Amino acid sequence: MKRHIGQQMALASAVFCALLALPVSGLVVWLIMTRGLADTWTPSALAGVAFLLCCAGVFYVMSRPQPPLPPSDTQED
């Protein structure tokens, strides 16, 4: 099954979101090490990672090609 242009764009967006989550994850680790969990920046960065990973998941599901529909059983005269 082939992906259409919209599905290809969704797949590219999923890859982009997943790759963008990597440096934000590094930022979270750095914030935890330097400022701790009590600082307001750390939970915000964690929310950013969760958001980007959820977006990547949704975009990936949208990019999956759909199987063709079965033939219709109705007879049209």
Protein backbone atom coordinates (compact mmCIF):
# COMPACT_ATOMS: atom_id res chain seq x y z
CA MET A 1 0.00 0.00 0.00
CA LYS A 2 1.26 3.42 -0.91
CA ARG A 3 1.13 6.57 1.18
CA HIS A 4 -0.56 9.60 -0.34
CA ILE A 5 0.95 13.08 -0.09
CA GLY A 6 -0.92 13.94 3.12
CA GLN A 7 0.21 10.70 4.72
CA GLN A 8 3.79 11.37 3.65
CA MET A 9 3.61 14.83 5.22
CA ALA A 10 2.23 13.30 8.42
CA LEU A 11 5.08 10.78 8.47
CA ALA A 12 7.64 13.55 7.99
CA SER A 13 6.00 15.51 10.81
CA ALA A 14 6.13 12.44 13.06
CA VAL A 15 9.84 12.02 12.42
CA PHE A 16 10.42 15.74 13.01
CA CYS A 17 8.53 15.68 16.33
CA ALA A 18 10.39 12.57 17.48
CA LEU A 19 13.74 14.11 16.58
CA LEU A 20 12.81 17.39 18.25
CA ALA A 21 11.97 15.51 21.45
CA LEU A 22 15.60 14.34 21.74
CA PRO A 23 17.21 17.74 22.51
CA VAL A 24 14.30 18.64 24.79
CA SER A 25 14.93 15.38 26.67
CA GLY A 26 18.55 16.45 27.06
CA LEU A 27 17.33 19.79 28.38
CA VAL A 28 15.18 17.97 30.94
CA VAL A 29 18.17 15.94 32.14
CA TRP A 30 20.27 19.09 32.39
CA LEU A 31 17.53 20.95 34.26
CA ILE A 32 17.08 18.10 36.73
CA MET A 33 20.82 17.96 37.38
CA THR A 34 21.30 21.71 37.77
CA ARG A 35 18.02 23.05 39.16
CA GLY A 36 16.14 19.98 40.43
CA LEU A 37 12.49 19.07 40.12
CA ALA A 38 11.28 21.98 42.27
CA ASP A 39 12.16 24.57 39.61
CA THR A 40 9.33 25.61 37.29
CA TRP A 41 11.36 25.04 34.13
CA THR A 42 11.79 21.30 34.73
CA PRO A 43 8.10 20.27 34.65
CA SER A 44 7.55 22.58 31.68
CA ALA A 45 10.31 20.83 29.76
CA LEU A 46 8.87 17.44 30.75
CA ALA A 47 5.50 18.56 29.42
CA GLY A 48 7.24 19.60 26.20
CA VAL A 49 8.75 16.14 25.80
CA ALA A 50 5.39 14.49 26.46
CA PHE A 51 3.68 16.80 23.97
CA LEU A 52 6.21 16.15 21.22
CA LEU A 53 6.09 12.38 21.70
CA CYS A 54 2.28 12.38 21.67
CA CYS A 55 2.30 14.47 18.50
CA ALA A 56 4.74 12.04 16.92
CA GLY A 57 2.46 9.13 17.80
CA VAL A 58 -0.64 10.82 16.40
CA PHE A 59 1.14 11.84 13.21
CA TYR A 60 2.45 8.31 12.74
CA VAL A 61 -1.03 6.81 13.11
CA MET A 62 -2.34 9.36 10.60
CA SER A 63 0.43 8.44 8.16
CA ARG A 64 -0.36 4.71 8.04
CA PRO A 65 -1.84 3.71 4.69
CA GLN A 66 -5.39 2.42 4.88
CA PRO A 67 -6.28 -0.96 3.37
CA PRO A 68 -8.59 -0.86 0.36
CA LEU A 69 -12.30 -1.22 1.00
CA PRO A 70 -13.91 -4.56 0.14
CA PRO A 71 -16.14 -4.62 -2.94
CA SER A 72 -19.71 -3.57 -2.37
CA ASP A 73 -22.31 -6.37 -2.27
CA THR A 74 -25.23 -4.20 -3.32
CA GLN A 75 -26.54 -4.59 -6.85
CA GLU A 76 -27.53 -1.47 -8.67
CA ASP A 77 -29.94 -1.88 -11.57
